[in-house]
């Protein structure tokens, strides 16, 4: 490290103390930029994990809804069978329309859950990109702080 400071001092025709301060500032700027990039990567990773957790939770909720729907439809079929009604005419039309409505509802719920997952992934990518811009800004700022001494 001493040779770096001496080289800077000799090349810039400045004191060794000034060269040491410039070197310390440059190292500090580099460490700060590195920390910002790593923080962005960590945030991206955490948001990816959150998106995966959301996907698993969505699958679980969908399975639970399907089980409830199947139980309700089975109960309706049993009730119709016990009442002696045939699954024809109005009763069949009502059951078909009910199934269509449930299908539409399931589609909307699934879309909403996929959009939530995609949002987490976008937030992670934005966090990483933002950290890269912040790090670049830190490096430029550090260079601007050092420039008058060189």
N, C-alpha and C. Protein backbone atom coordinates (compact mmCIF):
# COMPACT_ATOMS: atom_id res chain seq x y z
N UNK A 1 0.83 -1.19 0.00
CA UNK A 1 0.00 0.00 0.00
C UNK A 1 0.87 1.26 0.00
N UNK A 2 2.00 1.18 0.67
CA UNK A 2 2.90 2.32 0.75
C UNK A 2 3.40 2.71 -0.64
N UNK A 3 3.70 1.72 -1.45
CA UNK A 3 4.21 2.02 -2.79
C UNK A 3 3.17 2.73 -3.64
N UNK A 4 1.86 2.41 -3.41
CA UNK A 4 0.78 3.09 -4.15
C UNK A 4 0.76 4.56 -3.78
N UNK A 5 0.83 4.83 -2.48
CA UNK A 5 0.79 6.20 -2.01
C UNK A 5 2.01 6.97 -2.53
N UNK A 6 3.17 6.35 -2.47
CA UNK A 6 4.39 7.00 -2.95
C UNK A 6 4.31 7.27 -4.44
N UNK A 7 3.78 6.32 -5.20
CA UNK A 7 3.65 6.48 -6.65
C UNK A 7 2.70 7.62 -6.98
N UNK A 8 1.58 7.68 -6.26
CA UNK A 8 0.62 8.76 -6.50
C UNK A 8 1.26 10.11 -6.17
N UNK A 9 1.96 10.17 -5.06
CA UNK A 9 2.60 11.42 -4.64
C UNK A 9 3.63 11.88 -5.67
N UNK A 10 4.42 10.95 -6.16
CA UNK A 10 5.45 11.29 -7.14
C UNK A 10 4.82 11.72 -8.46
N UNK A 11 3.83 10.97 -8.95
CA UNK A 11 3.21 11.27 -10.24
C UNK A 11 2.44 12.58 -10.22
N UNK A 12 1.80 12.88 -9.11
CA UNK A 12 0.97 14.08 -9.04
C UNK A 12 1.72 15.27 -8.44
N UNK A 13 2.96 15.06 -8.05
CA UNK A 13 3.76 16.12 -7.43
C UNK A 13 3.07 16.70 -6.20
N UNK A 14 2.61 15.81 -5.34
CA UNK A 14 1.95 16.23 -4.10
C UNK A 14 2.62 15.53 -2.93
N UNK A 15 2.25 15.95 -1.74
CA UNK A 15 2.87 15.35 -0.55
C UNK A 15 2.39 13.92 -0.36
N UNK A 16 3.14 13.17 0.39
CA UNK A 16 2.77 11.79 0.70
C UNK A 16 1.48 11.76 1.51
N UNK A 17 1.27 12.73 2.36
CA UNK A 17 0.04 12.80 3.16
C UNK A 17 -1.17 12.98 2.26
N UNK A 18 -1.07 13.89 1.31
CA UNK A 18 -2.18 14.13 0.37
C UNK A 18 -2.45 12.87 -0.45
N UNK A 19 -1.37 12.21 -0.87
CA UNK A 19 -1.53 10.97 -1.64
C UNK A 19 -2.20 9.90 -0.80
N UNK A 20 -1.86 9.83 0.49
CA UNK A 20 -2.49 8.86 1.38
C UNK A 20 -3.98 9.15 1.53
N UNK A 21 -4.33 10.42 1.64
CA UNK A 21 -5.75 10.81 1.75
C UNK A 21 -6.51 10.48 0.46
N UNK A 22 -5.88 10.72 -0.66
CA UNK A 22 -6.50 10.39 -1.95
C UNK A 22 -6.73 8.89 -2.05
N UNK A 23 -5.73 8.13 -1.67
CA UNK A 23 -5.84 6.66 -1.72
C UNK A 23 -6.93 6.18 -0.78
N UNK A 24 -6.98 6.72 0.42
CA UNK A 24 -8.01 6.32 1.38
C UNK A 24 -9.40 6.67 0.85
N UNK A 25 -9.52 7.84 0.25
CA UNK A 25 -10.81 8.24 -0.31
C UNK A 25 -11.23 7.32 -1.45
N UNK A 26 -10.27 6.98 -2.30
CA UNK A 26 -10.57 6.08 -3.42
C UNK A 26 -10.99 4.70 -2.92
N UNK A 27 -10.27 4.19 -1.93
CA UNK A 27 -10.61 2.88 -1.38
C UNK A 27 -11.99 2.92 -0.72
N UNK A 28 -12.25 3.96 0.05
CA UNK A 28 -13.56 4.10 0.70
C UNK A 28 -14.69 4.19 -0.31
N UNK A 29 -14.45 4.92 -1.38
CA UNK A 29 -15.46 5.03 -2.44
C UNK A 29 -15.71 3.67 -3.08
N UNK A 30 -14.65 2.94 -3.35
CA UNK A 30 -14.80 1.61 -3.94
C UNK A 30 -15.56 0.66 -3.03
N UNK A 31 -15.24 0.69 -1.75
CA UNK A 31 -15.93 -0.18 -0.79
C UNK A 31 -17.40 0.19 -0.69
N UNK A 32 -17.69 1.48 -0.69
CA UNK A 32 -19.08 1.94 -0.63
C UNK A 32 -19.86 1.47 -1.86
N UNK A 33 -19.25 1.61 -3.03
CA UNK A 33 -19.90 1.17 -4.26
C UNK A 33 -20.14 -0.34 -4.24
N UNK A 34 -19.16 -1.08 -3.79
CA UNK A 34 -19.30 -2.53 -3.70
C UNK A 34 -20.44 -2.90 -2.75
N UNK A 35 -20.52 -2.22 -1.62
CA UNK A 35 -21.59 -2.47 -0.66
C UNK A 35 -22.96 -2.21 -1.24
N UNK A 36 -23.08 -1.14 -2.03
CA UNK A 36 -24.37 -0.83 -2.66
C UNK A 36 -24.77 -1.92 -3.65
N UNK A 37 -23.83 -2.39 -4.42
CA UNK A 37 -24.13 -3.45 -5.39
C UNK A 37 -24.55 -4.73 -4.67
N UNK A 38 -23.83 -5.09 -3.63
CA UNK A 38 -24.16 -6.30 -2.88
C UNK A 38 -25.52 -6.17 -2.19
N UNK A 39 -25.85 -4.99 -1.70
CA UNK A 39 -27.16 -4.78 -1.07
C UNK A 39 -28.27 -4.96 -2.10
N UNK A 40 -28.05 -4.47 -3.31
CA UNK A 40 -29.03 -4.65 -4.37
C UNK A 40 -29.23 -6.11 -4.73
N UNK A 41 -28.12 -6.85 -4.79
CA UNK A 41 -28.21 -8.29 -5.08
C UNK A 41 -28.97 -9.01 -3.97
N UNK A 42 -28.70 -8.64 -2.72
CA UNK A 42 -29.39 -9.28 -1.60
C UNK A 42 -30.88 -8.99 -1.63
N UNK A 43 -31.24 -7.75 -1.95
CA UNK A 43 -32.66 -7.39 -2.02
C UNK A 43 -33.33 -8.13 -3.17
N UNK A 44 -32.65 -8.25 -4.30
CA UNK A 44 -33.21 -9.00 -5.43
C UNK A 44 -33.43 -10.46 -5.03
N UNK A 45 -32.47 -11.03 -4.36
CA UNK A 45 -32.58 -12.42 -3.93
C UNK A 45 -33.76 -12.61 -2.96
N UNK A 46 -33.90 -11.69 -2.03
CA UNK A 46 -35.00 -11.77 -1.06
C UNK A 46 -36.35 -11.65 -1.76
N UNK A 47 -36.46 -10.78 -2.75
CA UNK A 47 -37.72 -10.62 -3.46
C UNK A 47 -38.01 -11.82 -4.36
N UNK A 48 -36.99 -12.45 -4.90
CA UNK A 48 -37.20 -13.68 -5.67
C UNK A 48 -37.73 -14.78 -4.76
N UNK A 49 -37.16 -14.86 -3.57
CA UNK A 49 -37.63 -15.87 -2.61
C UNK A 49 -39.07 -15.57 -2.21
N UNK A 50 -39.40 -14.31 -2.03
CA UNK A 50 -40.77 -13.93 -1.68
C UNK A 50 -41.73 -14.28 -2.81
N UNK A 51 -41.31 -14.08 -4.06
CA UNK A 51 -42.15 -14.45 -5.20
C UNK A 51 -42.38 -15.96 -5.23
N UNK A 52 -41.35 -16.73 -4.92
CA UNK A 52 -41.49 -18.19 -4.89
C UNK A 52 -42.44 -18.61 -3.77
N UNK A 53 -42.33 -17.97 -2.62
CA UNK A 53 -43.24 -18.26 -1.51
C UNK A 53 -44.67 -17.92 -1.90
N UNK A 54 -44.85 -16.82 -2.60
CA UNK A 54 -46.18 -16.42 -3.05
C UNK A 54 -46.74 -17.43 -4.04
N UNK A 55 -45.87 -17.95 -4.92
CA UNK A 55 -46.31 -18.96 -5.89
C UNK A 55 -46.78 -20.22 -5.17
N UNK A 56 -46.02 -20.66 -4.19
CA UNK A 56 -46.40 -21.86 -3.44
C UNK A 56 -47.69 -21.64 -2.65
N UNK A 57 -47.81 -20.47 -2.04
CA UNK A 57 -49.03 -20.16 -1.29
C UNK A 57 -50.24 -20.09 -2.23
N UNK A 58 -50.04 -19.55 -3.42
CA UNK A 58 -51.13 -19.47 -4.40
C UNK A 58 -51.58 -20.86 -4.82
N UNK A 59 -50.62 -21.75 -5.04
CA UNK A 59 -50.96 -23.13 -5.41
C UNK A 59 -51.74 -23.80 -4.28
N UNK A 60 -51.33 -23.55 -3.06
CA UNK A 60 -52.02 -24.13 -1.91
C UNK A 60 -53.45 -23.60 -1.80
N UNK A 61 -53.61 -22.28 -1.99
CA UNK A 61 -54.95 -21.69 -1.93
C UNK A 61 -55.84 -22.22 -3.06
N UNK A 62 -55.25 -22.39 -4.25
CA UNK A 62 -56.02 -22.91 -5.38
C UNK A 62 -56.47 -24.34 -5.10
N UNK A 63 -55.60 -25.15 -4.55
CA UNK A 63 -55.95 -26.52 -4.21
C UNK A 63 -57.08 -26.56 -3.18
N UNK A 64 -56.98 -25.68 -2.20
CA UNK A 64 -58.03 -25.62 -1.17
C UNK A 64 -59.36 -25.20 -1.78
N UNK A 65 -59.34 -24.20 -2.68
CA UNK A 65 -60.58 -23.77 -3.34
C UNK A 65 -61.17 -24.90 -4.17
N UNK A 66 -60.31 -25.65 -4.88
CA UNK A 66 -60.79 -26.76 -5.71
C UNK A 66 -61.42 -27.85 -4.84
N UNK A 67 -60.82 -28.12 -3.70
CA UNK A 67 -61.38 -29.13 -2.81
C UNK A 67 -62.75 -28.70 -2.28
N UNK A 68 -62.89 -27.43 -1.93
CA UNK A 68 -64.18 -26.92 -1.45
C UNK A 68 -65.22 -26.97 -2.57
N UNK A 69 -64.80 -26.59 -3.77
CA UNK A 69 -65.72 -26.62 -4.91
C UNK A 69 -66.16 -28.05 -5.20
N UNK A 70 -65.22 -28.98 -5.21
CA UNK A 70 -65.56 -30.38 -5.46
C UNK A 70 -66.51 -30.91 -4.40
N UNK A 71 -66.28 -30.56 -3.14
CA UNK A 71 -67.16 -31.00 -2.06
C UNK A 71 -68.56 -30.41 -2.24
N UNK A 72 -68.65 -29.14 -2.62
CA UNK A 72 -69.95 -28.51 -2.82
C UNK A 72 -70.69 -29.15 -4.00
N UNK A 73 -69.96 -29.39 -5.09
CA UNK A 73 -70.60 -30.01 -6.25
C UNK A 73 -71.04 -31.44 -5.93
N UNK A 74 -70.23 -32.16 -5.19
CA UNK A 74 -70.62 -33.52 -4.81
C UNK A 74 -71.86 -33.49 -3.92
N UNK A 75 -71.91 -32.54 -3.00
CA UNK A 75 -73.09 -32.42 -2.13
C UNK A 75 -74.34 -32.10 -2.94
N UNK A 76 -74.20 -31.24 -3.94
CA UNK A 76 -75.34 -30.91 -4.81
C UNK A 76 -75.82 -32.12 -5.60
N UNK A 77 -74.88 -32.90 -6.10
CA UNK A 77 -75.24 -34.10 -6.87
C UNK A 77 -75.96 -35.10 -5.96
N UNK A 78 -75.43 -35.29 -4.75
CA UNK A 78 -76.07 -36.21 -3.81
C UNK A 78 -77.47 -35.72 -3.45
N UNK A 79 -77.60 -34.42 -3.20
CA UNK A 79 -78.90 -33.85 -2.83
C UNK A 79 -79.90 -34.02 -3.98
N UNK A 80 -79.44 -33.80 -5.20
CA UNK A 80 -80.34 -33.98 -6.34
C UNK A 80 -80.74 -35.45 -6.47
N UNK A 81 -79.79 -36.34 -6.26
CA UNK A 81 -80.09 -37.77 -6.35
C UNK A 81 -81.07 -38.21 -5.28
N UNK A 82 -80.92 -37.71 -4.06
CA UNK A 82 -81.81 -38.09 -2.97
C UNK A 82 -83.21 -37.52 -3.15
N UNK A 83 -83.28 -36.36 -3.81
CA UNK A 83 -84.60 -35.75 -4.00
C UNK A 83 -85.34 -36.39 -5.17
N UNK A 84 -84.66 -37.21 -5.92
CA UNK A 84 -85.30 -37.88 -7.04
C UNK A 84 -85.29 -37.06 -8.32
N UNK A 85 -84.69 -35.90 -8.28
CA UNK A 85 -84.63 -35.06 -9.48
C UNK A 85 -83.56 -35.60 -10.42
N UNK A 86 -83.79 -35.39 -11.68
CA UNK A 86 -82.80 -35.76 -12.67
C UNK A 86 -82.01 -34.50 -13.04
N UNK A 87 -80.77 -34.68 -13.41
CA UNK A 87 -79.92 -33.56 -13.78
C UNK A 87 -80.24 -33.12 -15.20
N UNK A 88 -81.44 -32.63 -15.36
CA UNK A 88 -81.89 -32.18 -16.68
C UNK A 88 -82.57 -30.83 -16.51
N UNK A 89 -82.71 -30.13 -17.59
CA UNK A 89 -83.48 -28.89 -17.59
C UNK A 89 -82.84 -27.81 -16.74
N UNK A 90 -83.67 -27.15 -15.93
CA UNK A 90 -83.24 -26.00 -15.15
C UNK A 90 -82.13 -26.34 -14.16
N UNK A 91 -82.25 -27.48 -13.48
CA UNK A 91 -81.24 -27.86 -12.50
C UNK A 91 -79.87 -28.02 -13.17
N UNK A 92 -79.84 -28.65 -14.33
CA UNK A 92 -78.57 -28.84 -15.05
C UNK A 92 -78.04 -27.49 -15.53
N UNK A 93 -78.93 -26.62 -15.98
CA UNK A 93 -78.51 -25.29 -16.45
C UNK A 93 -77.90 -24.48 -15.32
N UNK A 94 -78.52 -24.56 -14.15
CA UNK A 94 -78.01 -23.83 -12.99
C UNK A 94 -76.63 -24.37 -12.61
N UNK A 95 -76.48 -25.67 -12.59
CA UNK A 95 -75.19 -26.28 -12.24
C UNK A 95 -74.12 -25.90 -13.25
N UNK A 96 -74.47 -25.88 -14.54
CA UNK A 96 -73.52 -25.52 -15.58
C UNK A 96 -73.10 -24.06 -15.45
N UNK A 97 -74.06 -23.19 -15.23
CA UNK A 97 -73.77 -21.76 -15.08
C UNK A 97 -72.92 -21.52 -13.83
N UNK A 98 -73.22 -22.22 -12.77
CA UNK A 98 -72.44 -22.11 -11.54
C UNK A 98 -71.00 -22.53 -11.79
N UNK A 99 -70.80 -23.61 -12.53
CA UNK A 99 -69.45 -24.08 -12.84
C UNK A 99 -68.71 -23.07 -13.71
N UNK A 100 -69.42 -22.45 -14.64
CA UNK A 100 -68.80 -21.43 -15.49
C UNK A 100 -68.34 -20.24 -14.65
N UNK A 101 -69.19 -19.80 -13.72
CA UNK A 101 -68.85 -18.66 -12.86
C UNK A 101 -67.65 -18.98 -11.97
N UNK A 102 -67.63 -20.19 -11.45
CA UNK A 102 -66.50 -20.60 -10.62
C UNK A 102 -65.22 -20.62 -11.46
N UNK A 103 -65.31 -21.10 -12.68
CA UNK A 103 -64.15 -21.13 -13.57
C UNK A 103 -63.62 -19.73 -13.86
N UNK A 104 -64.52 -18.79 -14.11
CA UNK A 104 -64.11 -17.40 -14.34
C UNK A 104 -63.45 -16.81 -13.10
N UNK A 105 -64.05 -17.08 -11.97
CA UNK A 105 -63.51 -16.59 -10.70
C UNK A 105 -62.12 -17.16 -10.45
N UNK A 106 -61.94 -18.45 -10.69
CA UNK A 106 -60.64 -19.09 -10.52
C UNK A 106 -59.61 -18.46 -11.46
N UNK A 107 -60.01 -18.18 -12.68
CA UNK A 107 -59.11 -17.55 -13.64
C UNK A 107 -58.64 -16.18 -13.17
N UNK A 108 -59.56 -15.38 -12.65
CA UNK A 108 -59.22 -14.05 -12.16
C UNK A 108 -58.31 -14.14 -10.93
N UNK A 109 -58.59 -15.05 -10.04
CA UNK A 109 -57.76 -15.22 -8.84
C UNK A 109 -56.36 -15.65 -9.25
N UNK A 110 -56.27 -16.60 -10.18
CA UNK A 110 -54.96 -17.06 -10.66
C UNK A 110 -54.17 -15.95 -11.32
N UNK A 111 -54.85 -15.14 -12.13
CA UNK A 111 -54.18 -14.02 -12.79
C UNK A 111 -53.66 -13.03 -11.76
N UNK A 112 -54.47 -12.72 -10.77
CA UNK A 112 -54.07 -11.80 -9.72
C UNK A 112 -52.85 -12.31 -8.97
N UNK A 113 -52.82 -13.59 -8.68
CA UNK A 113 -51.69 -14.17 -7.97
C UNK A 113 -50.42 -14.18 -8.82
N UNK A 114 -50.57 -14.45 -10.11
CA UNK A 114 -49.39 -14.42 -10.99
C UNK A 114 -48.85 -13.00 -11.13
N UNK A 115 -49.75 -12.02 -11.16
CA UNK A 115 -49.32 -10.62 -11.23
C UNK A 115 -48.56 -10.21 -9.97
N UNK A 116 -49.00 -10.69 -8.82
CA UNK A 116 -48.31 -10.39 -7.56
C UNK A 116 -46.90 -10.99 -7.58
N UNK A 117 -46.77 -12.21 -8.09
CA UNK A 117 -45.46 -12.84 -8.18
C UNK A 117 -44.55 -12.05 -9.13
N UNK A 118 -45.10 -11.66 -10.26
CA UNK A 118 -44.32 -10.89 -11.24
C UNK A 118 -43.87 -9.55 -10.66
N UNK A 119 -44.71 -8.97 -9.83
CA UNK A 119 -44.36 -7.69 -9.22
C UNK A 119 -43.14 -7.86 -8.31
N UNK A 120 -43.10 -8.93 -7.53
CA UNK A 120 -41.93 -9.18 -6.68
C UNK A 120 -40.66 -9.32 -7.51
N UNK A 121 -40.77 -10.03 -8.62
CA UNK A 121 -39.60 -10.22 -9.48
C UNK A 121 -39.14 -8.90 -10.09
N UNK A 122 -40.10 -8.07 -10.51
CA UNK A 122 -39.75 -6.75 -11.05
C UNK A 122 -39.10 -5.88 -9.98
N UNK A 123 -39.64 -5.92 -8.78
CA UNK A 123 -39.05 -5.13 -7.69
C UNK A 123 -37.61 -5.56 -7.43
N UNK A 124 -37.37 -6.86 -7.48
CA UNK A 124 -36.01 -7.36 -7.27
C UNK A 124 -35.06 -6.87 -8.36
N UNK A 125 -35.50 -6.96 -9.60
CA UNK A 125 -34.67 -6.50 -10.71
C UNK A 125 -34.42 -5.00 -10.61
N UNK A 126 -35.44 -4.25 -10.22
CA UNK A 126 -35.29 -2.80 -10.06
C UNK A 126 -34.34 -2.47 -8.92
N UNK A 127 -34.40 -3.24 -7.84
CA UNK A 127 -33.50 -3.01 -6.70
C UNK A 127 -32.05 -3.23 -7.12
N UNK A 128 -31.83 -4.29 -7.87
CA UNK A 128 -30.46 -4.56 -8.33
C UNK A 128 -29.96 -3.46 -9.26
N UNK A 129 -30.80 -3.08 -10.21
CA UNK A 129 -30.39 -2.03 -11.16
C UNK A 129 -30.19 -0.71 -10.42
N UNK A 130 -31.06 -0.40 -9.47
CA UNK A 130 -30.91 0.82 -8.69
C UNK A 130 -29.61 0.84 -7.90
N UNK A 131 -29.24 -0.31 -7.36
CA UNK A 131 -27.98 -0.37 -6.60
C UNK A 131 -26.78 -0.16 -7.52
N UNK A 132 -26.89 -0.62 -8.74
CA UNK A 132 -25.79 -0.42 -9.69
C UNK A 132 -25.64 1.06 -10.04
N UNK A 133 -26.79 1.74 -10.22
CA UNK A 133 -26.75 3.18 -10.50
C UNK A 133 -26.21 3.94 -9.29
N UNK A 134 -26.63 3.55 -8.11
CA UNK A 134 -26.14 4.21 -6.89
C UNK A 134 -24.63 4.02 -6.75
N UNK A 135 -24.16 2.82 -7.04
CA UNK A 135 -22.73 2.55 -6.96
C UNK A 135 -21.97 3.39 -7.98
N UNK A 136 -22.50 3.50 -9.18
CA UNK A 136 -21.85 4.34 -10.20
C UNK A 136 -21.81 5.79 -9.74
N UNK A 137 -22.90 6.24 -9.14
CA UNK A 137 -22.93 7.61 -8.60
C UNK A 137 -21.90 7.80 -7.51
N UNK A 138 -21.75 6.81 -6.65
CA UNK A 138 -20.76 6.88 -5.58
C UNK A 138 -19.35 6.96 -6.17
N UNK A 139 -19.08 6.15 -7.18
CA UNK A 139 -17.76 6.18 -7.81
C UNK A 139 -17.48 7.54 -8.46
N UNK A 140 -18.48 8.07 -9.15
CA UNK A 140 -18.30 9.37 -9.78
C UNK A 140 -18.11 10.47 -8.75
N UNK A 141 -18.88 10.39 -7.68
CA UNK A 141 -18.75 11.37 -6.60
C UNK A 141 -17.37 11.30 -5.97
N UNK A 142 -16.90 10.08 -5.73
CA UNK A 142 -15.57 9.89 -5.17
C UNK A 142 -14.50 10.43 -6.10
N UNK A 143 -14.67 10.19 -7.39
CA UNK A 143 -13.70 10.70 -8.37
C UNK A 143 -13.71 12.23 -8.37
N UNK A 144 -14.90 12.82 -8.23
CA UNK A 144 -15.01 14.27 -8.17
C UNK A 144 -14.36 14.84 -6.93
N UNK A 145 -14.45 14.10 -5.82
CA UNK A 145 -13.82 14.55 -4.58
C UNK A 145 -12.30 14.50 -4.65
N UNK A 146 -11.80 13.53 -5.37
CA UNK A 146 -10.35 13.33 -5.48
C UNK A 146 -9.74 14.23 -6.55
N UNK A 147 -10.48 14.53 -7.60
CA UNK A 147 -9.96 15.25 -8.77
C UNK A 147 -9.20 16.54 -8.43
N UNK A 148 -9.67 17.36 -7.51
CA UNK A 148 -8.91 18.59 -7.25
C UNK A 148 -7.50 18.35 -6.71
N UNK A 149 -7.25 17.18 -6.16
CA UNK A 149 -5.94 16.91 -5.56
C UNK A 149 -4.96 16.25 -6.52
N UNK A 150 -5.45 15.89 -7.67
CA UNK A 150 -4.59 15.19 -8.63
C UNK A 150 -4.06 16.13 -9.67
